[in-house]
Amino acid sequence: MITAMLAFVFFVVLLCLYSDTTKNSFSVEAGREIFTSGDATFHRERGKLVQSDEILERKTVPPVFFSRINGEDQPVEMKFTTPSRVIRMILLSIVALFLPVIVALFLTGFDFQKINLGGSAVWFCIAVPVVPIYLLKSGIVELHDRPWIYILSKDGKKKRYRPKPNPDDVKDIVFGFLRALIIPPISLAVWFGIISFFVMVYLTAGGM
């Protein structure tokens, strides 16, 4: 019941976020009238707007950006919400939400009769508020702040640019994780979380 209530609250927040609240319209997409000339063109004759007989051929050229790669300014194309990134984001959210259940399924040999979802109740209460926040951050911030960059060659081919990981950043992550496991008082909270997670997995697996 607590999980369902939290999910309902986040649903209302998301609906208000993506709705046209300035016009008091409780809808996800507000209708706007957009007038276009279609394929026709217009010109003025004696101050009047008259439709031309000729059809204008519109050529839309995608924008080309220049990014400094390996010390050189190279033409690149940026992609943000690609299908693979969106699917990966959704799959990671599902895994994060049902992580204790997934681990318990592996421990029980995928015996669904032994699974007790009540054992992961605390995890669900924590994950339900956190996962939507992750989705909002990934969908609005990460996907746009870290676009996929494709280098454009002279013959028009595209090749994705994958920057090499910085060794210093990797060291900072490793040392930060080790400090969180060893140095109190943060280590106490970390170990408490780890032990609690395995207890929830044990209870979800029906005591195995």
N, C-alpha and C. Protein backbone atom coordinates (compact mmCIF):
# COMPACT_ATOMS: atom_id res chain seq x y z
N MET A 1 0.82 -1.21 0.00
CA MET A 1 0.00 0.00 0.00
C MET A 1 0.86 1.26 0.00
N ILE A 2 1.95 1.24 0.79
CA ILE A 2 2.84 2.40 0.82
C ILE A 2 3.50 2.61 -0.54
N THR A 3 3.93 1.51 -1.17
CA THR A 3 4.54 1.60 -2.50
C THR A 3 3.56 2.15 -3.52
N ALA A 4 2.32 1.68 -3.47
CA ALA A 4 1.30 2.16 -4.41
C ALA A 4 1.01 3.64 -4.19
N MET A 5 0.97 4.08 -2.94
CA MET A 5 0.72 5.49 -2.64
C MET A 5 1.86 6.36 -3.17
N LEU A 6 3.10 5.93 -2.97
CA LEU A 6 4.24 6.70 -3.48
C LEU A 6 4.23 6.74 -5.00
N ALA A 7 3.89 5.62 -5.63
CA ALA A 7 3.82 5.60 -7.09
C ALA A 7 2.75 6.55 -7.60
N PHE A 8 1.61 6.61 -6.91
CA PHE A 8 0.54 7.52 -7.32
C PHE A 8 0.97 8.98 -7.18
N VAL A 9 1.67 9.29 -6.10
CA VAL A 9 2.16 10.67 -5.91
C VAL A 9 3.12 11.06 -7.02
N PHE A 10 4.05 10.17 -7.37
CA PHE A 10 4.99 10.48 -8.45
C PHE A 10 4.28 10.57 -9.79
N PHE A 11 3.23 9.78 -9.98
CA PHE A 11 2.47 9.88 -11.23
C PHE A 11 1.82 11.26 -11.36
N VAL A 12 1.27 11.76 -10.27
CA VAL A 12 0.66 13.10 -10.30
C VAL A 12 1.71 14.16 -10.55
N VAL A 13 2.89 14.03 -9.92
CA VAL A 13 3.96 15.00 -10.12
C VAL A 13 4.43 15.00 -11.57
N LEU A 14 4.63 13.82 -12.16
CA LEU A 14 5.06 13.72 -13.55
C LEU A 14 4.00 14.27 -14.50
N LEU A 15 2.73 14.01 -14.20
CA LEU A 15 1.67 14.50 -15.06
C LEU A 15 1.60 16.03 -15.03
N CYS A 16 1.79 16.60 -13.85
CA CYS A 16 1.83 18.06 -13.75
C CYS A 16 3.07 18.63 -14.42
N LEU A 17 4.18 17.90 -14.37
CA LEU A 17 5.42 18.38 -14.96
C LEU A 17 5.31 18.47 -16.48
N TYR A 18 4.70 17.47 -17.11
CA TYR A 18 4.65 17.41 -18.55
C TYR A 18 3.30 17.86 -19.13
N SER A 19 2.46 18.48 -18.31
CA SER A 19 1.19 18.98 -18.81
C SER A 19 1.24 20.49 -18.96
N ASP A 20 0.26 21.03 -19.64
CA ASP A 20 0.20 22.47 -19.87
C ASP A 20 -0.55 23.11 -18.70
N THR A 21 0.14 23.28 -17.58
CA THR A 21 -0.51 23.78 -16.38
C THR A 21 -0.80 25.27 -16.44
N THR A 22 -0.15 25.99 -17.37
CA THR A 22 -0.40 27.44 -17.46
C THR A 22 -1.82 27.73 -17.94
N LYS A 23 -2.42 26.79 -18.66
CA LYS A 23 -3.79 26.96 -19.14
C LYS A 23 -4.77 26.10 -18.36
N ASN A 24 -4.31 25.59 -17.20
CA ASN A 24 -5.16 24.75 -16.36
C ASN A 24 -5.72 23.56 -17.12
N SER A 25 -4.90 23.03 -18.02
CA SER A 25 -5.31 21.87 -18.80
C SER A 25 -4.65 20.63 -18.23
N PHE A 26 -5.48 19.70 -17.73
CA PHE A 26 -4.93 18.49 -17.12
C PHE A 26 -4.71 17.44 -18.19
N SER A 27 -3.82 17.76 -19.13
CA SER A 27 -3.53 16.84 -20.24
C SER A 27 -2.05 16.81 -20.48
N VAL A 28 -1.58 15.70 -21.00
CA VAL A 28 -0.14 15.54 -21.22
C VAL A 28 0.32 16.42 -22.36
N GLU A 29 -0.47 16.51 -23.41
CA GLU A 29 -0.07 17.29 -24.58
C GLU A 29 -1.17 18.27 -24.93
N ALA A 30 -0.89 19.56 -24.82
CA ALA A 30 -1.87 20.58 -25.14
C ALA A 30 -1.86 20.86 -26.64
N GLY A 31 -3.03 21.04 -27.21
CA GLY A 31 -3.12 21.28 -28.64
C GLY A 31 -2.80 22.73 -29.00
N ARG A 32 -2.03 22.93 -30.03
CA ARG A 32 -1.69 24.27 -30.51
C ARG A 32 -1.93 24.32 -32.01
N GLU A 33 -2.54 25.37 -32.48
CA GLU A 33 -2.81 25.52 -33.89
C GLU A 33 -1.57 26.07 -34.59
N ILE A 34 -1.07 25.34 -35.56
CA ILE A 34 0.10 25.74 -36.33
C ILE A 34 -0.31 25.80 -37.79
N PHE A 35 -0.14 26.96 -38.41
CA PHE A 35 -0.54 27.16 -39.79
C PHE A 35 0.70 27.11 -40.68
N THR A 36 0.65 26.29 -41.72
CA THR A 36 1.74 26.19 -42.68
C THR A 36 1.16 26.26 -44.09
N SER A 37 2.00 26.57 -45.02
CA SER A 37 1.58 26.65 -46.42
C SER A 37 1.73 25.31 -47.15
N GLY A 38 2.25 24.33 -46.47
CA GLY A 38 2.45 23.04 -47.11
C GLY A 38 3.50 23.13 -48.21
N ASP A 39 3.20 22.54 -49.35
CA ASP A 39 4.12 22.60 -50.48
C ASP A 39 3.97 23.87 -51.30
N ALA A 40 2.93 24.63 -51.04
CA ALA A 40 2.69 25.84 -51.84
C ALA A 40 3.56 27.00 -51.35
N THR A 41 3.76 27.96 -52.24
CA THR A 41 4.50 29.19 -51.91
C THR A 41 3.61 30.39 -52.21
N PHE A 42 3.96 31.50 -51.63
CA PHE A 42 3.16 32.71 -51.80
C PHE A 42 4.07 33.87 -52.22
N HIS A 43 3.49 34.82 -52.91
CA HIS A 43 4.18 36.06 -53.25
C HIS A 43 3.17 37.20 -53.23
N ARG A 44 3.68 38.41 -53.21
CA ARG A 44 2.79 39.57 -53.12
C ARG A 44 2.64 40.23 -54.50
N GLU A 45 1.41 40.50 -54.80
CA GLU A 45 1.08 41.27 -55.99
C GLU A 45 0.22 42.46 -55.59
N ARG A 46 0.80 43.67 -55.77
CA ARG A 46 0.10 44.90 -55.42
C ARG A 46 -0.35 44.88 -53.96
N GLY A 47 0.53 44.37 -53.11
CA GLY A 47 0.26 44.37 -51.68
C GLY A 47 -0.59 43.22 -51.18
N LYS A 48 -1.04 42.34 -52.07
CA LYS A 48 -1.84 41.19 -51.67
C LYS A 48 -1.02 39.91 -51.73
N LEU A 49 -1.29 39.02 -50.80
CA LEU A 49 -0.59 37.74 -50.74
C LEU A 49 -1.30 36.74 -51.65
N VAL A 50 -0.60 36.28 -52.71
CA VAL A 50 -1.19 35.41 -53.71
C VAL A 50 -0.39 34.11 -53.76
N GLN A 51 -1.11 32.99 -53.89
CA GLN A 51 -0.45 31.69 -53.96
C GLN A 51 0.22 31.50 -55.32
N SER A 52 1.46 31.00 -55.28
CA SER A 52 2.21 30.79 -56.51
C SER A 52 1.87 29.42 -57.10
N ASP A 53 2.06 29.32 -58.40
CA ASP A 53 1.84 28.04 -59.07
C ASP A 53 2.99 27.07 -58.86
N GLU A 54 4.19 27.60 -58.65
CA GLU A 54 5.36 26.76 -58.47
C GLU A 54 5.40 26.19 -57.05
N ILE A 55 5.90 24.98 -56.96
CA ILE A 55 6.03 24.32 -55.65
C ILE A 55 7.48 24.46 -55.19
N LEU A 56 7.61 24.93 -53.98
CA LEU A 56 8.94 25.15 -53.42
C LEU A 56 9.52 23.83 -52.91
N GLU A 57 10.71 23.54 -53.34
CA GLU A 57 11.42 22.35 -52.86
C GLU A 57 12.28 22.73 -51.68
N ARG A 58 11.88 22.25 -50.52
CA ARG A 58 12.60 22.60 -49.30
C ARG A 58 13.67 21.55 -49.02
N LYS A 59 14.85 22.00 -48.81
CA LYS A 59 15.96 21.10 -48.48
C LYS A 59 16.43 21.41 -47.06
N THR A 60 16.23 20.45 -46.20
CA THR A 60 16.62 20.62 -44.80
C THR A 60 17.98 19.97 -44.58
N VAL A 61 18.93 20.77 -44.19
CA VAL A 61 20.28 20.28 -43.94
C VAL A 61 20.46 20.14 -42.43
N PRO A 62 20.80 18.96 -41.94
CA PRO A 62 21.01 18.82 -40.49
C PRO A 62 22.19 19.66 -40.03
N PRO A 63 22.09 20.21 -38.82
CA PRO A 63 23.19 21.05 -38.33
C PRO A 63 24.45 20.24 -38.07
N VAL A 64 25.59 20.85 -38.33
CA VAL A 64 26.88 20.22 -38.10
C VAL A 64 27.63 21.03 -37.05
N PHE A 65 28.08 20.35 -36.03
CA PHE A 65 28.82 20.99 -34.95
C PHE A 65 30.30 20.61 -35.07
N PHE A 66 31.11 21.44 -34.46
CA PHE A 66 32.54 21.16 -34.43
C PHE A 66 32.96 20.96 -32.97
N SER A 67 33.65 19.87 -32.74
CA SER A 67 34.13 19.54 -31.41
C SER A 67 35.62 19.27 -31.46
N ARG A 68 36.31 19.67 -30.40
CA ARG A 68 37.75 19.46 -30.35
C ARG A 68 38.05 18.05 -29.87
N ILE A 69 38.53 17.21 -30.81
CA ILE A 69 38.82 15.81 -30.54
C ILE A 69 40.27 15.55 -30.90
N ASN A 70 41.00 15.02 -29.93
CA ASN A 70 42.43 14.72 -30.13
C ASN A 70 43.20 15.95 -30.59
N GLY A 71 42.83 17.09 -30.03
CA GLY A 71 43.55 18.33 -30.33
C GLY A 71 43.17 18.99 -31.64
N GLU A 72 42.14 18.49 -32.34
CA GLU A 72 41.73 19.07 -33.61
C GLU A 72 40.22 19.31 -33.60
N ASP A 73 39.81 20.38 -34.28
CA ASP A 73 38.39 20.67 -34.44
C ASP A 73 37.83 19.83 -35.59
N GLN A 74 36.93 18.92 -35.26
CA GLN A 74 36.39 18.01 -36.27
C GLN A 74 34.87 18.15 -36.34
N PRO A 75 34.31 18.04 -37.56
CA PRO A 75 32.85 18.09 -37.69
C PRO A 75 32.21 16.85 -37.08
N VAL A 76 31.21 17.06 -36.27
CA VAL A 76 30.57 15.95 -35.57
C VAL A 76 29.06 16.11 -35.65
N GLU A 77 28.39 15.00 -35.42
CA GLU A 77 26.93 14.98 -35.29
C GLU A 77 26.59 14.41 -33.94
N MET A 78 25.65 15.06 -33.24
CA MET A 78 25.31 14.65 -31.89
C MET A 78 23.93 14.00 -31.87
N LYS A 79 23.83 12.90 -31.14
CA LYS A 79 22.56 12.22 -30.96
C LYS A 79 22.30 12.08 -29.46
N PHE A 80 21.06 12.32 -29.09
CA PHE A 80 20.73 12.35 -27.66
C PHE A 80 19.85 11.16 -27.27
N THR A 81 18.59 11.20 -27.56
CA THR A 81 17.68 10.14 -27.14
C THR A 81 17.61 9.05 -28.21
N THR A 82 18.66 8.29 -28.30
CA THR A 82 18.68 7.16 -29.23
C THR A 82 17.89 6.00 -28.61
N PRO A 83 17.29 5.13 -29.43
CA PRO A 83 16.50 4.01 -28.88
C PRO A 83 17.28 3.13 -27.93
N SER A 84 18.55 2.86 -28.24
CA SER A 84 19.34 1.98 -27.37
C SER A 84 19.57 2.61 -26.01
N ARG A 85 19.79 3.92 -25.97
CA ARG A 85 20.00 4.58 -24.67
C ARG A 85 18.73 4.59 -23.85
N VAL A 86 17.59 4.83 -24.48
CA VAL A 86 16.32 4.86 -23.76
C VAL A 86 15.98 3.47 -23.23
N ILE A 87 16.17 2.44 -24.07
CA ILE A 87 15.88 1.06 -23.64
C ILE A 87 16.81 0.67 -22.48
N ARG A 88 18.08 1.03 -22.59
CA ARG A 88 19.02 0.70 -21.50
C ARG A 88 18.62 1.39 -20.22
N MET A 89 18.17 2.65 -20.31
CA MET A 89 17.76 3.38 -19.13
C MET A 89 16.55 2.73 -18.46
N ILE A 90 15.59 2.28 -19.28
CA ILE A 90 14.41 1.63 -18.73
C ILE A 90 14.76 0.28 -18.10
N LEU A 91 15.63 -0.49 -18.76
CA LEU A 91 16.03 -1.80 -18.20
C LEU A 91 16.78 -1.64 -16.89
N LEU A 92 17.67 -0.65 -16.80
CA LEU A 92 18.38 -0.40 -15.55
C LEU A 92 17.42 -0.01 -14.43
N SER A 93 16.39 0.74 -14.76
CA SER A 93 15.40 1.13 -13.75
C SER A 93 14.63 -0.09 -13.25
N ILE A 94 14.26 -0.98 -14.16
CA ILE A 94 13.53 -2.20 -13.76
C ILE A 94 14.42 -3.09 -12.89
N VAL A 95 15.69 -3.22 -13.28
CA VAL A 95 16.62 -4.03 -12.48
C VAL A 95 16.80 -3.42 -11.09
N ALA A 96 16.94 -2.10 -11.02
CA ALA A 96 17.10 -1.45 -9.72
C ALA A 96 15.87 -1.62 -8.84
N LEU A 97 14.69 -1.61 -9.45
CA LEU A 97 13.46 -1.73 -8.67
C LEU A 97 13.26 -3.14 -8.13
N PHE A 98 13.63 -4.15 -8.93
CA PHE A 98 13.41 -5.55 -8.52
C PHE A 98 14.71 -6.29 -8.25
N LEU A 99 15.76 -5.59 -7.85
CA LEU A 99 17.06 -6.23 -7.65
C LEU A 99 17.02 -7.36 -6.63
N PRO A 100 16.44 -7.18 -5.43
CA PRO A 100 16.41 -8.31 -4.48
C PRO A 100 15.63 -9.51 -5.03
N VAL A 101 14.56 -9.25 -5.77
CA VAL A 101 13.77 -10.34 -6.34
C VAL A 101 14.58 -11.08 -7.40
N ILE A 102 15.32 -10.34 -8.21
CA ILE A 102 16.13 -10.97 -9.26
C ILE A 102 17.22 -11.85 -8.65
N VAL A 103 17.89 -11.34 -7.62
CA VAL A 103 18.93 -12.14 -6.96
C VAL A 103 18.31 -13.36 -6.29
N ALA A 104 17.14 -13.18 -5.68
CA ALA A 104 16.47 -14.32 -5.03
C ALA A 104 16.05 -15.37 -6.05
N LEU A 105 15.67 -14.96 -7.24
CA LEU A 105 15.30 -15.92 -8.28
C LEU A 105 16.50 -16.77 -8.69
N PHE A 106 17.67 -16.15 -8.78
CA PHE A 106 18.87 -16.91 -9.10
C PHE A 106 19.20 -17.90 -7.99
N LEU A 107 19.00 -17.50 -6.74
CA LEU A 107 19.34 -18.37 -5.62
C LEU A 107 18.37 -19.55 -5.52
N THR A 108 17.11 -19.33 -5.89
CA THR A 108 16.11 -20.40 -5.80
C THR A 108 15.98 -21.20 -7.09
N GLY A 109 16.84 -20.92 -8.07
CA GLY A 109 16.73 -21.63 -9.34
C GLY A 109 15.48 -21.26 -10.11
N PHE A 110 15.07 -19.99 -10.00
CA PHE A 110 13.88 -19.46 -10.67
C PHE A 110 12.62 -20.23 -10.29
N ASP A 111 12.54 -20.56 -9.00
CA ASP A 111 11.34 -21.20 -8.46
C ASP A 111 10.44 -20.08 -7.91
N PHE A 112 9.45 -19.67 -8.70
CA PHE A 112 8.60 -18.53 -8.32
C PHE A 112 7.72 -18.84 -7.11
N GLN A 113 7.50 -20.11 -6.83
CA GLN A 113 6.66 -20.44 -5.68
C GLN A 113 7.35 -20.11 -4.35
N LYS A 114 8.67 -20.11 -4.35
CA LYS A 114 9.40 -19.79 -3.12
C LYS A 114 9.57 -18.28 -2.91
N ILE A 115 9.29 -17.47 -3.92
CA ILE A 115 9.52 -16.04 -3.83
C ILE A 115 8.47 -15.40 -2.94
N ASN A 116 8.92 -14.63 -1.97
CA ASN A 116 8.05 -13.88 -1.07
C ASN A 116 8.33 -12.39 -1.26
N LEU A 117 7.47 -11.70 -2.00
CA LEU A 117 7.69 -10.29 -2.28
C LEU A 117 7.66 -9.43 -1.03
N GLY A 118 7.01 -9.92 0.02
CA GLY A 118 6.98 -9.17 1.27
C GLY A 118 8.37 -8.98 1.88
N GLY A 119 9.29 -9.88 1.55
CA GLY A 119 10.65 -9.73 2.07
C GLY A 119 11.38 -8.52 1.51
N SER A 120 10.94 -8.03 0.35
CA SER A 120 11.56 -6.86 -0.27
C SER A 120 10.73 -5.60 -0.10
N ALA A 121 9.83 -5.59 0.88
CA ALA A 121 8.94 -4.44 1.06
C ALA A 121 9.73 -3.16 1.35
N VAL A 122 10.75 -3.29 2.19
CA VAL A 122 11.56 -2.10 2.52
C VAL A 122 12.29 -1.60 1.28
N TRP A 123 12.79 -2.53 0.48
CA TRP A 123 13.50 -2.13 -0.76
C TRP A 123 12.55 -1.40 -1.72
N PHE A 124 11.32 -1.91 -1.84
CA PHE A 124 10.35 -1.27 -2.73
C PHE A 124 10.03 0.15 -2.26
N CYS A 125 9.90 0.33 -0.95
CA CYS A 125 9.60 1.66 -0.42
C CYS A 125 10.73 2.65 -0.71
N ILE A 126 11.97 2.15 -0.76
CA ILE A 126 13.11 3.02 -1.06
C ILE A 126 13.25 3.22 -2.57
N ALA A 127 13.07 2.13 -3.33
CA ALA A 127 13.33 2.19 -4.77
C ALA A 127 12.27 2.96 -5.53
N VAL A 128 11.02 2.89 -5.08
CA VAL A 128 9.94 3.57 -5.82
C VAL A 128 10.16 5.09 -5.88
N PRO A 129 10.60 5.77 -4.82
CA PRO A 129 10.91 7.20 -4.99
C PRO A 129 12.21 7.44 -5.74
N VAL A 130 13.20 6.53 -5.59
CA VAL A 130 14.52 6.78 -6.18
C VAL A 130 14.52 6.55 -7.69
N VAL A 131 13.86 5.49 -8.15
CA VAL A 131 13.87 5.16 -9.58
C VAL A 131 13.27 6.26 -10.45
N PRO A 132 12.12 6.86 -10.10
CA PRO A 132 11.63 7.97 -10.92
C PRO A 132 12.59 9.16 -10.95
N ILE A 133 13.26 9.42 -9.83
CA ILE A 133 14.25 10.50 -9.82
C ILE A 133 15.39 10.18 -10.78
N TYR A 134 15.81 8.92 -10.79
CA TYR A 134 16.86 8.50 -11.73
C TYR A 134 16.38 8.66 -13.18
N LEU A 135 15.13 8.28 -13.44
CA LEU A 135 14.60 8.40 -14.79
C LEU A 135 14.55 9.86 -15.24
N LEU A 136 14.12 10.74 -14.33
CA LEU A 136 14.06 12.16 -14.68
C LEU A 136 15.46 12.71 -14.93
N LYS A 137 16.41 12.33 -14.06
CA LYS A 137 17.77 12.83 -14.21
C LYS A 137 18.40 12.29 -15.50
N SER A 138 18.20 11.00 -15.76
CA SER A 138 18.79 10.42 -16.96
C SER A 138 18.11 10.93 -18.21
N GLY A 139 16.78 11.05 -18.15
CA GLY A 139 16.06 11.47 -19.34
C GLY A 139 16.23 12.93 -19.69
N ILE A 140 16.38 13.77 -18.67
CA ILE A 140 16.44 15.21 -18.93
C ILE A 140 17.86 15.73 -18.90
N VAL A 141 18.67 15.21 -18.01
CA VAL A 141 20.02 15.76 -17.82
C VAL A 141 21.07 14.94 -18.54
N GLU A 142 21.17 13.66 -18.20
CA GLU A 142 22.26 12.84 -18.72
C GLU A 142 22.21 12.69 -20.24
N LEU A 143 21.01 12.44 -20.78
CA LEU A 143 20.90 12.22 -22.21
C LEU A 143 21.27 13.46 -23.02
N HIS A 144 21.12 14.63 -22.41
CA HIS A 144 21.43 15.87 -23.14
C HIS A 144 22.80 16.43 -22.79
N ASP A 145 23.27 16.17 -21.58
CA ASP A 145 24.60 16.65 -21.23
C ASP A 145 25.70 15.75 -21.76
N ARG A 146 25.37 14.50 -22.02
CA ARG A 146 26.37 13.56 -22.52
C ARG A 146 25.86 12.90 -23.81
N PRO A 147 25.80 13.64 -24.89
CA PRO A 147 25.30 13.05 -26.14
C PRO A 147 26.31 12.11 -26.76
N TRP A 148 25.81 11.24 -27.61
CA TRP A 148 26.70 10.40 -28.42
C TRP A 148 27.25 11.25 -29.56
N ILE A 149 28.55 11.21 -29.76
CA ILE A 149 29.22 12.03 -30.77
C ILE A 149 29.68 11.14 -31.91
N TYR A 150 29.30 11.52 -33.12
CA TYR A 150 29.71 10.80 -34.33
C TYR A 150 30.58 11.72 -35.17
N ILE A 151 31.78 11.27 -35.50
CA ILE A 151 32.69 12.06 -36.32
C ILE A 151 32.31 11.87 -37.79
N LEU A 152 32.19 12.98 -38.49
CA LEU A 152 31.84 12.96 -39.91
C LEU A 152 33.10 13.00 -40.75
N SER A 153 33.29 11.99 -41.57
CA SER A 153 34.45 11.95 -42.45
C SER A 153 34.15 12.72 -43.74
N LYS A 154 35.14 12.89 -44.58
CA LYS A 154 34.99 13.65 -45.82
C LYS A 154 34.06 12.95 -46.81
N ASP A 155 34.00 11.62 -46.75
CA ASP A 155 33.13 10.89 -47.67
C ASP A 155 31.71 10.72 -47.12
N GLY A 156 31.40 11.39 -46.01
CA GLY A 156 30.05 11.36 -45.46
C GLY A 156 29.78 10.24 -44.48
N LYS A 157 30.75 9.40 -44.19
CA LYS A 157 30.56 8.31 -43.25
C LYS A 157 30.63 8.82 -41.81
N LYS A 158 29.96 8.08 -40.95
CA LYS A 158 29.92 8.45 -39.53
C LYS A 158 30.61 7.37 -38.70
N LYS A 159 31.33 7.80 -37.71
CA LYS A 159 31.99 6.89 -36.79
C LYS A 159 31.85 7.44 -35.39
N ARG A 160 31.32 6.61 -34.50
CA ARG A 160 31.09 7.09 -33.14
C ARG A 160 32.40 7.29 -32.41
N TYR A 161 32.49 8.42 -31.74
CA TYR A 161 33.68 8.75 -30.95
C TYR A 161 33.47 8.28 -29.52
N ARG A 162 34.33 7.41 -29.07
CA ARG A 162 34.26 6.89 -27.70
C ARG A 162 35.50 7.37 -26.95
N PRO A 163 35.35 8.37 -26.10
CA PRO A 163 36.51 8.86 -25.36
C PRO A 163 37.05 7.81 -24.40
N LYS A 164 38.36 7.75 -24.31
CA LYS A 164 38.98 6.79 -23.40
C LYS A 164 38.79 7.23 -21.96
N PRO A 165 38.52 6.28 -21.06
CA PRO A 165 38.33 6.65 -19.65
C PRO A 165 39.61 7.21 -19.06
N ASN A 166 39.43 8.22 -18.24
CA ASN A 166 40.57 8.85 -17.57
C ASN A 166 41.02 7.96 -16.41
N PRO A 167 42.29 7.54 -16.39
CA PRO A 167 42.75 6.68 -15.27
C PRO A 167 42.58 7.34 -13.91
N ASP A 168 42.72 8.65 -13.86
CA ASP A 168 42.56 9.34 -12.57
C ASP A 168 41.12 9.22 -12.07
N ASP A 169 40.15 9.31 -12.99
CA ASP A 169 38.76 9.18 -12.57
C ASP A 169 38.47 7.77 -12.06
N VAL A 170 39.05 6.75 -12.73
CA VAL A 170 38.86 5.38 -12.28
C VAL A 170 39.46 5.18 -10.89
N LYS A 171 40.65 5.75 -10.67
CA LYS A 171 41.28 5.64 -9.34
C LYS A 171 40.44 6.31 -8.27
N ASP A 172 39.87 7.48 -8.60
CA ASP A 172 39.04 8.18 -7.62
C ASP A 172 37.81 7.36 -7.24
N ILE A 173 37.22 6.69 -8.23
CA ILE A 173 36.04 5.86 -7.94
C ILE A 173 36.41 4.68 -7.06
N VAL A 174 37.53 4.01 -7.39
CA VAL A 174 37.96 2.84 -6.61
C VAL A 174 38.31 3.24 -5.18
N PHE A 175 39.11 4.30 -5.03
CA PHE A 175 39.50 4.73 -3.68
C PHE A 175 38.31 5.25 -2.89
N GLY A 176 37.37 5.91 -3.59
CA GLY A 176 36.18 6.38 -2.90
C GLY A 176 35.34 5.23 -2.38
N PHE A 177 35.24 4.16 -3.16
CA PHE A 177 34.50 2.98 -2.72
C PHE A 177 35.18 2.30 -1.55
N LEU A 178 36.51 2.21 -1.61
CA LEU A 178 37.25 1.58 -0.50
C LEU A 178 37.14 2.41 0.78
N ARG A 179 37.20 3.73 0.63
CA ARG A 179 37.06 4.58 1.82
C ARG A 179 35.67 4.42 2.44
N ALA A 180 34.65 4.27 1.57
CA ALA A 180 33.29 4.09 2.09
C ALA A 180 33.14 2.77 2.84
N LEU A 181 33.97 1.76 2.50
CA LEU A 181 33.90 0.47 3.18
C LEU A 181 34.73 0.43 4.45
N ILE A 182 35.72 1.29 4.58
CA ILE A 182 36.68 1.17 5.68
C ILE A 182 36.53 2.29 6.71
N ILE A 183 36.44 3.53 6.24
CA ILE A 183 36.49 4.69 7.14
C ILE A 183 35.11 4.96 7.73
N PRO A 184 34.99 4.92 9.08
CA PRO A 184 33.72 5.28 9.73
C PRO A 184 33.56 6.81 9.73
N PRO A 185 32.35 7.32 9.93
CA PRO A 185 31.09 6.59 10.16
C PRO A 185 30.39 6.16 8.87
N ILE A 186 30.91 6.59 7.71
CA ILE A 186 30.25 6.23 6.45
C ILE A 186 30.26 4.71 6.26
N SER A 187 31.36 4.06 6.68
CA SER A 187 31.45 2.61 6.50
C SER A 187 30.36 1.88 7.28
N LEU A 188 29.97 2.41 8.44
CA LEU A 188 28.91 1.76 9.21
C LEU A 188 27.60 1.76 8.44
N ALA A 189 27.27 2.89 7.81
CA ALA A 189 26.05 2.97 7.03
C ALA A 189 26.12 2.07 5.79
N VAL A 190 27.30 2.03 5.17
CA VAL A 190 27.46 1.20 3.97
C VAL A 190 27.29 -0.28 4.30
N TRP A 191 27.96 -0.72 5.36
CA TRP A 191 27.85 -2.13 5.74
C TRP A 191 26.45 -2.48 6.23
N PHE A 192 25.80 -1.53 6.89
CA PHE A 192 24.42 -1.76 7.31
C PHE A 192 23.52 -1.94 6.09
N GLY A 193 23.74 -1.13 5.06
CA GLY A 193 22.96 -1.27 3.83
C GLY A 193 23.23 -2.59 3.13
N ILE A 194 24.50 -3.02 3.09
CA ILE A 194 24.84 -4.28 2.44
C ILE A 194 24.21 -5.46 3.18
N ILE A 195 24.33 -5.46 4.50
CA ILE A 195 23.74 -6.55 5.29
C ILE A 195 22.23 -6.57 5.15
N SER A 196 21.61 -5.38 5.17
CA SER A 196 20.15 -5.30 5.03
C SER A 196 19.71 -5.83 3.67
N PHE A 197 20.49 -5.53 2.64
CA PHE A 197 20.14 -6.01 1.31
C PHE A 197 20.15 -7.53 1.26
N PHE A 198 21.18 -8.15 1.82
CA PHE A 198 21.26 -9.61 1.79
C PHE A 198 20.18 -10.25 2.67
N VAL A 199 19.81 -9.57 3.75
CA VAL A 199 18.70 -10.08 4.57
C VAL A 199 17.39 -10.04 3.78
N MET A 200 17.17 -8.96 3.03
CA MET A 200 15.97 -8.87 2.20
C MET A 200 15.97 -9.94 1.11
N VAL A 201 17.15 -10.20 0.54
CA VAL A 201 17.23 -11.25 -0.48
C VAL A 201 16.89 -12.60 0.14
N TYR A 202 17.40 -12.85 1.36
CA TYR A 202 17.13 -14.12 2.07
C TYR A 202 15.64 -14.27 2.35
N LEU A 203 14.99 -13.18 2.80
CA LEU A 203 13.56 -13.25 3.10
C LEU A 203 12.75 -13.38 1.81
N THR A 204 13.19 -12.71 0.75
CA THR A 204 12.47 -12.79 -0.52
C THR A 204 12.55 -14.21 -1.11
N ALA A 205 13.68 -14.85 -0.88
CA ALA A 205 13.86 -16.22 -1.37
C ALA A 205 13.15 -17.24 -0.50
N GLY A 206 12.37 -16.79 0.47
CA GLY A 206 11.61 -17.72 1.32
C GLY A 206 12.48 -18.46 2.29
N GLY A 207 13.62 -17.88 2.71
CA GLY A 207 14.52 -18.54 3.62
C GLY A 207 15.35 -19.63 2.94
N MET A 208 15.17 -19.77 1.61
CA MET A 208 15.92 -20.78 0.82
C MET A 208 15.84 -22.13 1.50
